[in-house]
């Protein structure tokens, strides 16, 4: 099986893949395109101080799809690397547990959660606008907490203080801001018009 990965300076990912037995691994620099069946594939790495991430750009000449997922590259830098996109898949919820698992009282958690929720939705909106995305699909998150002590955050997702936003709420927010957002569920098909 051929595996395409970003060419990180940190060699952990490729080392772990090799230990799993994969030997056909192609590392792509962000300025490299890999062609497969008429589709240009570009992996754009985001190598930070604490973690590594990447996003995937697919281009078949007619349509350009960017799966940003939860990668948070600088808006202008990303635009310079991708140009406008026809379909943007992106994170519209949080995956980090702050402030919900921190030692704050519940009112402080709600206050900080509301700020985080607003910032997350505005970041999704900014990516859609910056990339002039013709279509947007909120698709990454939210997580489910399996710890009984955190069940509160599973059961109030629609509250303005809950930073773990449901995809339909993100979809509604984007639509209200004039973005051509689509709510997809497992089994859905997206057809370009």
Protein backbone atom coordinates (compact mmCIF):
# COMPACT_ATOMS: atom_id res chain seq x y z
CA UNK A 1 0.00 0.00 0.00
CA UNK A 2 1.35 3.37 -1.02
CA UNK A 3 1.23 5.92 1.79
CA UNK A 4 1.49 9.67 1.12
CA UNK A 5 2.62 11.78 4.07
CA UNK A 6 3.97 15.27 4.65
CA UNK A 7 7.74 15.62 4.78
CA UNK A 8 8.09 16.66 8.41
CA UNK A 9 11.46 17.58 9.87
CA UNK A 10 10.40 15.42 12.81
CA UNK A 11 10.81 11.82 11.62
CA UNK A 12 8.35 10.23 14.08
CA UNK A 13 5.51 9.64 11.58
CA UNK A 14 7.61 7.92 8.93
CA UNK A 15 9.44 5.86 11.58
CA UNK A 16 6.17 4.62 13.06
CA UNK A 17 4.77 3.75 9.62
CA UNK A 18 7.90 1.77 8.79
CA UNK A 19 7.66 -0.08 12.12
CA UNK A 20 4.10 -1.04 11.17
CA UNK A 21 5.50 -2.62 7.99
CA UNK A 22 4.73 0.02 5.37
CA UNK A 23 7.57 0.36 2.90
CA UNK A 24 6.05 2.32 -0.02
CA UNK A 25 5.95 5.72 1.69
CA UNK A 26 6.10 8.92 -0.33
CA UNK A 27 7.01 12.08 1.57
CA UNK A 28 5.74 15.26 -0.04
CA UNK A 29 7.11 18.76 0.50
CA UNK A 30 4.40 21.41 0.46
CA UNK A 31 5.55 22.56 -2.99
CA UNK A 32 5.33 19.04 -4.45
CA UNK A 33 2.35 17.61 -6.30
CA UNK A 34 1.73 13.90 -6.62
CA UNK A 35 -0.39 12.82 -9.58
CA UNK A 36 -2.73 9.85 -9.36
CA UNK A 37 -5.36 9.01 -11.99
CA UNK A 38 -5.58 12.61 -13.22
CA UNK A 39 -5.78 14.09 -9.73
CA UNK A 40 -3.07 16.32 -8.38
CA UNK A 41 -2.47 15.65 -4.67
CA UNK A 42 -0.70 18.14 -2.45
CA UNK A 43 -0.07 17.72 1.27
CA UNK A 44 0.53 20.98 3.08
CA UNK A 45 2.33 20.49 6.37
CA UNK A 46 1.98 22.64 9.44
CA UNK A 47 4.94 21.82 11.61
CA UNK A 48 4.62 23.58 14.95
CA UNK A 49 6.56 23.69 18.17
CA UNK A 50 4.34 21.19 19.99
CA UNK A 51 2.72 19.20 17.20
CA UNK A 52 2.67 18.44 13.50
CA UNK A 53 -0.38 18.63 11.29
CA UNK A 54 -1.25 18.81 7.63
CA UNK A 55 -4.08 19.35 5.18
CA UNK A 56 -4.80 17.75 1.83
CA UNK A 57 -5.44 19.52 -1.47
CA UNK A 58 -6.94 17.57 -4.39
CA UNK A 59 -7.21 19.14 -7.84
CA UNK A 60 -8.62 17.50 -10.97
CA UNK A 61 -8.45 20.75 -13.01
CA UNK A 62 -12.26 21.15 -12.81
CA UNK A 63 -12.58 21.18 -9.02
CA UNK A 64 -10.23 21.89 -6.16
CA UNK A 65 -10.96 20.23 -2.79
CA UNK A 66 -9.17 21.19 0.41
CA UNK A 67 -9.56 18.95 3.44
CA UNK A 68 -8.35 21.28 6.15
CA UNK A 69 -9.80 19.08 8.91
CA UNK A 70 -8.29 20.49 12.13
CA UNK A 71 -5.14 21.97 10.62
CA UNK A 72 -4.91 25.67 11.42
CA UNK A 73 -2.49 27.27 9.01
CA UNK A 74 -2.30 31.04 8.74
CA UNK A 75 -5.13 32.27 6.50
CA UNK A 76 -2.95 34.25 4.07
CA UNK A 77 -0.26 31.56 3.89
CA UNK A 78 -2.86 28.89 3.13
CA UNK A 79 -4.47 31.05 0.46
CA UNK A 80 -1.08 31.55 -1.22
CA UNK A 81 -0.59 27.77 -1.31
CA UNK A 82 -4.06 26.74 -2.48
CA UNK A 83 -5.74 29.66 -4.19
CA UNK A 84 -9.54 29.58 -4.27
CA UNK A 85 -11.19 26.24 -3.52
CA UNK A 86 -14.38 24.65 -4.79
CA UNK A 87 -14.96 22.49 -1.71
CA UNK A 88 -13.59 23.16 1.76
CA UNK A 89 -13.87 20.54 4.49
CA UNK A 90 -12.93 21.97 7.87
CA UNK A 91 -13.13 21.76 11.61
CA UNK A 92 -16.12 23.53 13.10
CA UNK A 93 -15.88 22.20 16.64
CA UNK A 94 -13.22 21.94 19.30
CA UNK A 95 -11.16 18.89 20.09
CA UNK A 96 -9.15 20.30 22.97
CA UNK A 97 -10.66 19.88 26.41
CA UNK A 98 -9.81 23.34 27.72
CA UNK A 99 -11.61 24.87 29.63
CA UNK A 100 -13.99 21.99 30.35
CA UNK A 101 -11.53 19.76 32.23
CA UNK A 102 -9.60 22.50 33.99
CA UNK A 103 -9.93 23.43 37.63
CA UNK A 104 -12.35 26.34 37.16
CA UNK A 105 -15.80 26.69 38.70
CA UNK A 106 -18.66 25.88 36.31
CA UNK A 107 -19.51 29.52 35.63
CA UNK A 108 -15.91 30.26 34.58
CA UNK A 109 -15.94 27.14 32.36
CA UNK A 110 -19.14 28.35 30.72
CA UNK A 111 -17.74 31.87 30.23
CA UNK A 112 -14.53 30.56 28.62
CA UNK A 113 -16.44 27.92 26.66
CA UNK A 114 -18.66 30.59 25.11
CA UNK A 115 -15.60 32.54 23.97
CA UNK A 116 -14.03 29.39 22.56
CA UNK A 117 -17.24 28.45 20.72
CA UNK A 118 -17.48 31.90 19.14
CA UNK A 119 -13.79 31.87 18.15
CA UNK A 120 -14.07 28.40 16.58
CA UNK A 121 -17.08 29.36 14.46
CA UNK A 122 -15.45 32.63 13.42
CA UNK A 123 -12.26 30.79 12.45
CA UNK A 124 -14.29 28.43 10.22
CA UNK A 125 -15.99 31.45 8.66
CA UNK A 126 -12.65 33.20 8.08
CA UNK A 127 -11.21 30.13 6.31
CA UNK A 128 -14.27 29.96 4.05
CA UNK A 129 -14.01 33.66 3.20
CA UNK A 130 -10.20 33.70 2.85
CA UNK A 131 -10.21 30.75 0.46
CA UNK A 132 -13.25 32.04 -1.46
CA UNK A 133 -14.73 28.57 -0.94
CA UNK A 134 -17.64 27.88 -3.27
CA UNK A 135 -18.85 25.09 -0.96
CA UNK A 136 -18.06 24.36 2.68
CA UNK A 137 -18.62 21.21 4.75
CA UNK A 138 -18.15 21.37 8.52
CA UNK A 139 -16.76 17.89 9.13
CA UNK A 140 -14.30 17.58 12.02
CA UNK A 141 -15.70 17.03 15.51
CA UNK A 142 -17.12 17.17 18.01
CA UNK A 143 -15.57 14.56 20.29
CA UNK A 144 -17.62 12.39 22.66
CA UNK A 145 -16.53 12.15 26.29
CA UNK A 146 -16.67 8.66 27.78
CA UNK A 147 -15.88 9.84 31.31
CA UNK A 148 -18.97 10.22 33.49
CA UNK A 149 -17.49 13.37 35.05
CA UNK A 150 -17.51 15.01 31.61
CA UNK A 151 -20.95 13.84 30.48
CA UNK A 152 -22.29 17.34 31.12
CA UNK A 153 -20.43 18.50 27.99
CA UNK A 154 -21.96 15.70 25.88
CA UNK A 155 -25.52 16.61 26.79
CA UNK A 156 -25.65 20.37 26.22
CA UNK A 157 -23.99 20.80 22.82
CA UNK A 158 -26.50 23.40 21.65
CA UNK A 159 -25.82 25.76 24.54
CA UNK A 160 -23.85 28.91 23.69
CA UNK A 161 -21.25 28.06 26.35
CA UNK A 162 -20.43 24.60 24.99
CA UNK A 163 -17.30 24.74 22.80
CA UNK A 164 -18.02 21.29 21.28
CA UNK A 165 -20.24 22.45 18.42
CA UNK A 166 -22.46 20.05 16.51
CA UNK A 167 -22.02 20.06 12.75
CA UNK A 168 -25.59 21.16 12.08
CA UNK A 169 -25.10 24.18 14.36
CA UNK A 170 -21.89 25.08 12.52
CA UNK A 171 -23.68 24.60 9.20
CA UNK A 172 -26.47 26.93 10.34
CA UNK A 173 -23.97 29.56 11.52
CA UNK A 174 -22.11 29.49 8.19
CA UNK A 175 -25.35 29.67 6.18
CA UNK A 176 -26.46 32.68 8.23
CA UNK A 177 -23.15 34.37 7.33
CA UNK A 178 -23.75 33.82 3.60
CA UNK A 179 -21.49 30.79 3.18
CA UNK A 180 -22.65 27.99 0.87
CA UNK A 181 -22.43 25.37 3.62
CA UNK A 182 -23.59 21.77 3.30
CA UNK A 183 -24.49 19.36 6.07
CA UNK A 184 -23.25 15.89 5.15
CA UNK A 185 -23.73 12.72 7.15
CA UNK A 186 -22.14 9.28 6.65
CA UNK A 187 -23.28 7.95 3.29
CA UNK A 188 -23.91 11.41 1.80
CA UNK A 189 -22.56 12.21 -1.66
CA UNK A 190 -21.45 15.65 -2.77
CA UNK A 191 -21.96 16.41 -6.46
CA UNK A 192 -20.32 19.44 -8.01
CA UNK A 193 -22.67 21.42 -10.23
